[in-house]
Amino acid sequence: TAVQGISHAFKKMKEMEEREKDMKEKLRFLDGLIALRERIHTDILVKPGSGGPPIPTHRALLAAKSEIFRTMLMSDECKAPAEDTISFPELSHDELTCLVEFLYSGSLPEWSTEKHSYSMLIAADKYDIPFLRKYCEHRILAALRPSNALEVLQVAEVCSDAELKEQAMNLITKHADDVVFSVSYDELARNNAHLCVEITRALLTEMKDKRDAATSPNETSS
């Protein structure tokens, strides 16, 4: 119908606008990539928490990409000489490399894994980097499957990511037989009992909805 055609066209326009917005955001991140690669005028080091060498970066770029970084750099402990460092105790060297790469390029390295997407989503939440958060959400959702749904659920809980949590929960309830009887679910029960309660409630709600849907035609006919 004409209404459906207009609705479809409007949806396509919104998708194009969203892609254009993402492209502009990514281009904004590319400005300092050459400077990172060639270590041009780096003036501060970022240090991982699990060992490994610190990574030379630029104060101005860090401050431009995150208000949290800006605050850190303005603090008394970061106002000094260029050899000073900012420590990221929660990040491994590979994770910190991913974060720095993203801040300069707008994407994660090709060698980064699914686990890196999780840690980067948490970092995006902690350091208030909206584009990194959005990037990781898309990447995690694209790879969401029954075998990793519990882990995604836990990451979403840490980041208060409602959309990601809902998608993971829907997949868990849809594949409950595979998920609930897995070793990962046993570990979840030990470490995050409240999420197990939420899963149980979601399963019971789904069962009730199915039961109500099955009985409602009979009730109507009677």
Protein backbone atom coordinates (compact mmCIF):
# COMPACT_ATOMS: atom_id res chain seq x y z
CA THR A 1 0.00 0.00 0.00
CA ALA A 2 0.94 3.67 -0.26
CA VAL A 3 1.27 3.95 3.50
CA GLN A 4 3.64 0.97 3.63
CA GLY A 5 5.68 2.46 0.79
CA ILE A 6 6.04 5.78 2.59
CA SER A 7 6.93 4.00 5.82
CA HIS A 8 9.59 1.92 4.03
CA ALA A 9 11.05 5.02 2.35
CA PHE A 10 11.14 6.87 5.66
CA LYS A 11 12.92 3.93 7.29
CA LYS A 12 15.52 3.85 4.50
CA MET A 13 16.12 7.59 4.89
CA LYS A 14 16.68 7.17 8.62
CA GLU A 15 19.15 4.33 7.97
CA MET A 16 21.04 6.48 5.45
CA GLU A 17 21.15 9.39 7.89
CA GLU A 18 22.47 7.08 10.60
CA ARG A 19 25.20 5.69 8.30
CA GLU A 20 26.20 9.22 7.27
CA LYS A 21 26.37 10.27 10.92
CA ASP A 22 28.56 7.26 11.76
CA MET A 23 30.85 8.00 8.82
CA LYS A 24 31.30 11.62 9.89
CA GLU A 25 32.04 10.47 13.43
CA LYS A 26 34.63 7.99 12.20
CA LEU A 27 36.30 10.57 9.97
CA ARG A 28 36.64 12.80 13.01
CA PHE A 29 38.68 10.04 14.65
CA LEU A 30 41.09 9.65 11.73
CA ASP A 31 42.73 13.04 12.18
CA GLY A 32 45.50 11.84 14.47
CA LEU A 33 46.11 8.35 13.06
CA ILE A 34 49.29 9.25 11.19
CA ALA A 35 50.60 11.03 14.26
CA LEU A 36 50.02 7.86 16.29
CA ARG A 37 51.67 5.57 13.76
CA GLU A 38 54.77 7.75 13.48
CA ARG A 39 54.82 8.80 17.16
CA ILE A 40 54.88 12.47 16.11
CA HIS A 41 55.00 14.89 19.07
CA THR A 42 53.56 12.42 21.57
CA ASP A 43 53.54 14.00 25.01
CA ILE A 44 52.11 11.47 27.45
CA LEU A 45 52.25 7.71 28.03
CA VAL A 46 49.30 5.46 28.81
CA LYS A 47 50.18 2.44 30.90
CA PRO A 48 48.33 -0.91 31.06
CA GLY A 49 47.67 -2.64 34.34
CA SER A 50 49.02 -6.09 33.50
CA GLY A 51 52.55 -5.26 32.40
CA GLY A 52 53.84 -4.48 28.96
CA PRO A 53 55.32 -1.22 27.72
CA PRO A 54 53.41 2.06 27.99
CA ILE A 55 51.98 3.53 24.79
CA PRO A 56 52.92 7.06 23.64
CA THR A 57 49.89 9.22 22.90
CA HIS A 58 48.79 12.85 22.68
CA ARG A 59 47.20 14.73 25.56
CA ALA A 60 45.13 16.91 23.23
CA LEU A 61 43.61 13.93 21.45
CA LEU A 62 42.77 12.09 24.68
CA ALA A 63 41.12 15.23 26.05
CA ALA A 64 39.15 15.74 22.83
CA LYS A 65 37.73 12.21 22.79
CA SER A 66 36.59 11.91 26.41
CA GLU A 67 35.49 14.33 29.11
CA ILE A 68 36.79 11.82 31.65
CA PHE A 69 40.24 11.91 30.07
CA ARG A 70 40.08 15.70 29.99
CA THR A 71 39.42 15.73 33.73
CA MET A 72 42.22 13.26 34.37
CA LEU A 73 44.67 15.36 32.38
CA MET A 74 43.67 18.52 34.19
CA SER A 75 44.22 16.96 37.61
CA ASP A 76 47.30 17.88 39.61
CA GLU A 77 49.01 14.55 38.98
CA CYS A 78 48.85 14.99 35.22
CA LYS A 79 49.93 18.62 34.88
CA ALA A 80 53.59 17.86 34.73
CA PRO A 81 56.29 16.74 32.41
CA ALA A 82 55.68 14.87 29.17
CA GLU A 83 57.16 11.68 30.59
CA ASP A 84 54.23 11.39 32.99
CA THR A 85 51.83 8.50 32.49
CA ILE A 86 48.16 7.75 32.93
CA SER A 87 47.54 4.24 34.26
CA PHE A 88 44.67 2.00 33.19
CA PRO A 89 44.90 -0.78 35.79
CA GLU A 90 41.79 -2.60 34.52
CA LEU A 91 43.15 -2.99 30.97
CA SER A 92 45.71 -5.43 29.63
CA HIS A 93 48.30 -4.22 27.13
CA ASP A 94 46.27 -5.62 24.21
CA GLU A 95 43.09 -3.99 25.52
CA LEU A 96 44.80 -0.64 25.99
CA THR A 97 46.25 -0.92 22.48
CA CYS A 98 42.70 -1.46 21.20
CA LEU A 99 41.45 1.58 23.08
CA VAL A 100 44.22 3.83 21.79
CA GLU A 101 43.79 2.52 18.25
CA PHE A 102 40.09 3.33 18.40
CA LEU A 103 40.65 6.82 19.75
CA TYR A 104 42.89 7.57 16.76
CA SER A 105 41.12 5.65 14.00
CA GLY A 106 37.47 5.13 15.00
CA SER A 107 37.73 1.33 14.74
CA LEU A 108 39.32 -1.56 16.59
CA PRO A 109 42.38 -3.35 15.16
CA GLU A 110 41.73 -6.21 12.75
CA TRP A 111 43.33 -8.66 15.20
CA SER A 112 40.94 -7.73 18.01
CA THR A 113 38.62 -10.47 19.25
CA GLU A 114 35.12 -10.80 20.65
CA LYS A 115 36.56 -10.48 24.17
CA HIS A 116 38.11 -7.15 23.22
CA SER A 117 34.67 -5.89 22.18
CA TYR A 118 33.41 -6.68 25.69
CA SER A 119 36.29 -4.95 27.46
CA MET A 120 36.05 -1.96 25.12
CA LEU A 121 32.33 -1.59 25.78
CA ILE A 122 33.08 -1.49 29.50
CA ALA A 123 35.87 1.04 28.87
CA ALA A 124 33.53 3.16 26.74
CA ASP A 125 31.04 3.22 29.58
CA LYS A 126 33.66 4.02 32.22
CA TYR A 127 35.41 6.77 30.25
CA ASP A 128 32.31 8.14 28.52
CA ILE A 129 33.24 7.53 24.87
CA PRO A 130 29.84 7.33 23.11
CA PHE A 131 31.08 6.39 19.63
CA LEU A 132 33.16 3.51 21.02
CA ARG A 133 30.13 2.32 22.97
CA LYS A 134 27.96 2.38 19.85
CA TYR A 135 30.66 0.66 17.79
CA CYS A 136 31.02 -2.16 20.33
CA GLU A 137 27.25 -2.58 20.70
CA HIS A 138 26.91 -3.13 16.94
CA ARG A 139 29.84 -5.52 16.89
CA ILE A 140 28.60 -7.54 19.88
CA LEU A 141 25.03 -7.74 18.58
CA ALA A 142 26.28 -8.95 15.19
CA ALA A 143 28.14 -11.81 16.92
CA LEU A 144 25.43 -12.64 19.49
CA ARG A 145 24.59 -16.36 19.64
CA PRO A 146 23.41 -18.87 22.28
CA SER A 147 26.97 -19.87 23.23
CA ASN A 148 27.98 -16.32 24.22
CA ALA A 149 24.62 -14.89 25.30
CA LEU A 150 25.35 -15.30 29.03
CA GLU A 151 28.63 -13.44 28.75
CA VAL A 152 27.00 -10.68 26.73
CA LEU A 153 24.26 -10.47 29.36
CA GLN A 154 26.84 -9.92 32.09
CA VAL A 155 28.70 -7.27 30.09
CA ALA A 156 25.41 -5.49 29.38
CA GLU A 157 24.61 -5.55 33.08
CA VAL A 158 27.97 -3.98 33.97
CA CYS A 159 27.43 -1.21 31.41
CA SER A 160 23.70 -0.73 32.09
CA ASP A 161 23.14 -1.35 28.37
CA ALA A 162 19.39 -1.99 28.14
CA GLU A 163 19.29 -2.82 24.42
CA LEU A 164 22.13 -5.33 24.61
CA LYS A 165 20.70 -6.89 27.76
CA GLU A 166 17.27 -7.28 26.17
CA GLN A 167 18.68 -8.94 23.04
CA ALA A 168 20.83 -11.33 25.08
CA MET A 169 17.90 -12.20 27.37
CA ASN A 170 15.62 -12.86 24.40
CA LEU A 171 18.16 -15.25 22.91
CA ILE A 172 18.64 -17.01 26.24
CA THR A 173 14.93 -17.62 26.69
CA LYS A 174 14.62 -18.76 23.07
CA HIS A 175 17.44 -21.30 23.52
CA ALA A 176 16.90 -22.05 27.19
CA ASP A 177 17.56 -25.80 26.90
CA ASP A 178 21.05 -25.19 25.52
CA VAL A 179 21.91 -22.24 27.76
CA VAL A 180 20.50 -23.19 31.16
CA PHE A 181 22.10 -26.64 31.18
CA SER A 182 25.56 -25.36 30.30
CA VAL A 183 28.73 -24.96 32.37
CA SER A 184 28.54 -21.21 31.73
CA TYR A 185 25.15 -21.07 33.44
CA ASP A 186 26.56 -22.86 36.48
CA GLU A 187 29.28 -20.21 36.68
CA LEU A 188 26.69 -17.46 36.30
CA ALA A 189 24.68 -18.93 39.17
CA ARG A 190 27.76 -18.80 41.41
CA ASN A 191 28.88 -15.29 40.46
CA ASN A 192 25.71 -13.43 39.41
CA ALA A 193 22.74 -15.05 41.11
CA HIS A 194 20.53 -12.02 40.48
CA LEU A 195 20.90 -12.51 36.71
CA CYS A 196 19.81 -16.13 37.11
CA VAL A 197 16.71 -14.85 38.90
CA GLU A 198 16.03 -12.50 35.97
CA ILE A 199 16.45 -15.36 33.50
CA THR A 200 14.07 -17.56 35.52
CA ARG A 201 11.47 -14.80 35.59
CA ALA A 202 11.86 -14.20 31.85
CA LEU A 203 11.37 -17.93 31.17
CA LEU A 204 8.29 -18.11 33.40
CA THR A 205 6.85 -15.00 31.74
CA GLU A 206 7.39 -16.51 28.30
CA MET A 207 5.76 -19.78 29.39
CA LYS A 208 2.77 -17.87 30.79
CA ASP A 209 2.42 -15.83 27.60
CA LYS A 210 2.46 -19.00 25.49
CA ARG A 211 -0.08 -20.68 27.78
CA ASP A 212 -2.36 -17.65 27.67
CA ALA A 213 -2.06 -17.45 23.89
CA ALA A 214 -2.93 -21.15 23.57
CA THR A 215 -5.99 -20.97 25.83
CA SER A 216 -7.45 -17.61 24.77
CA PRO A 217 -9.07 -18.91 21.51
CA ASN A 218 -10.87 -21.65 23.47
CA GLU A 219 -12.11 -19.15 26.02
CA THR A 220 -13.34 -16.86 23.24
CA SER A 221 -15.24 -19.64 21.47
CA SER A 222 -16.91 -20.80 24.67
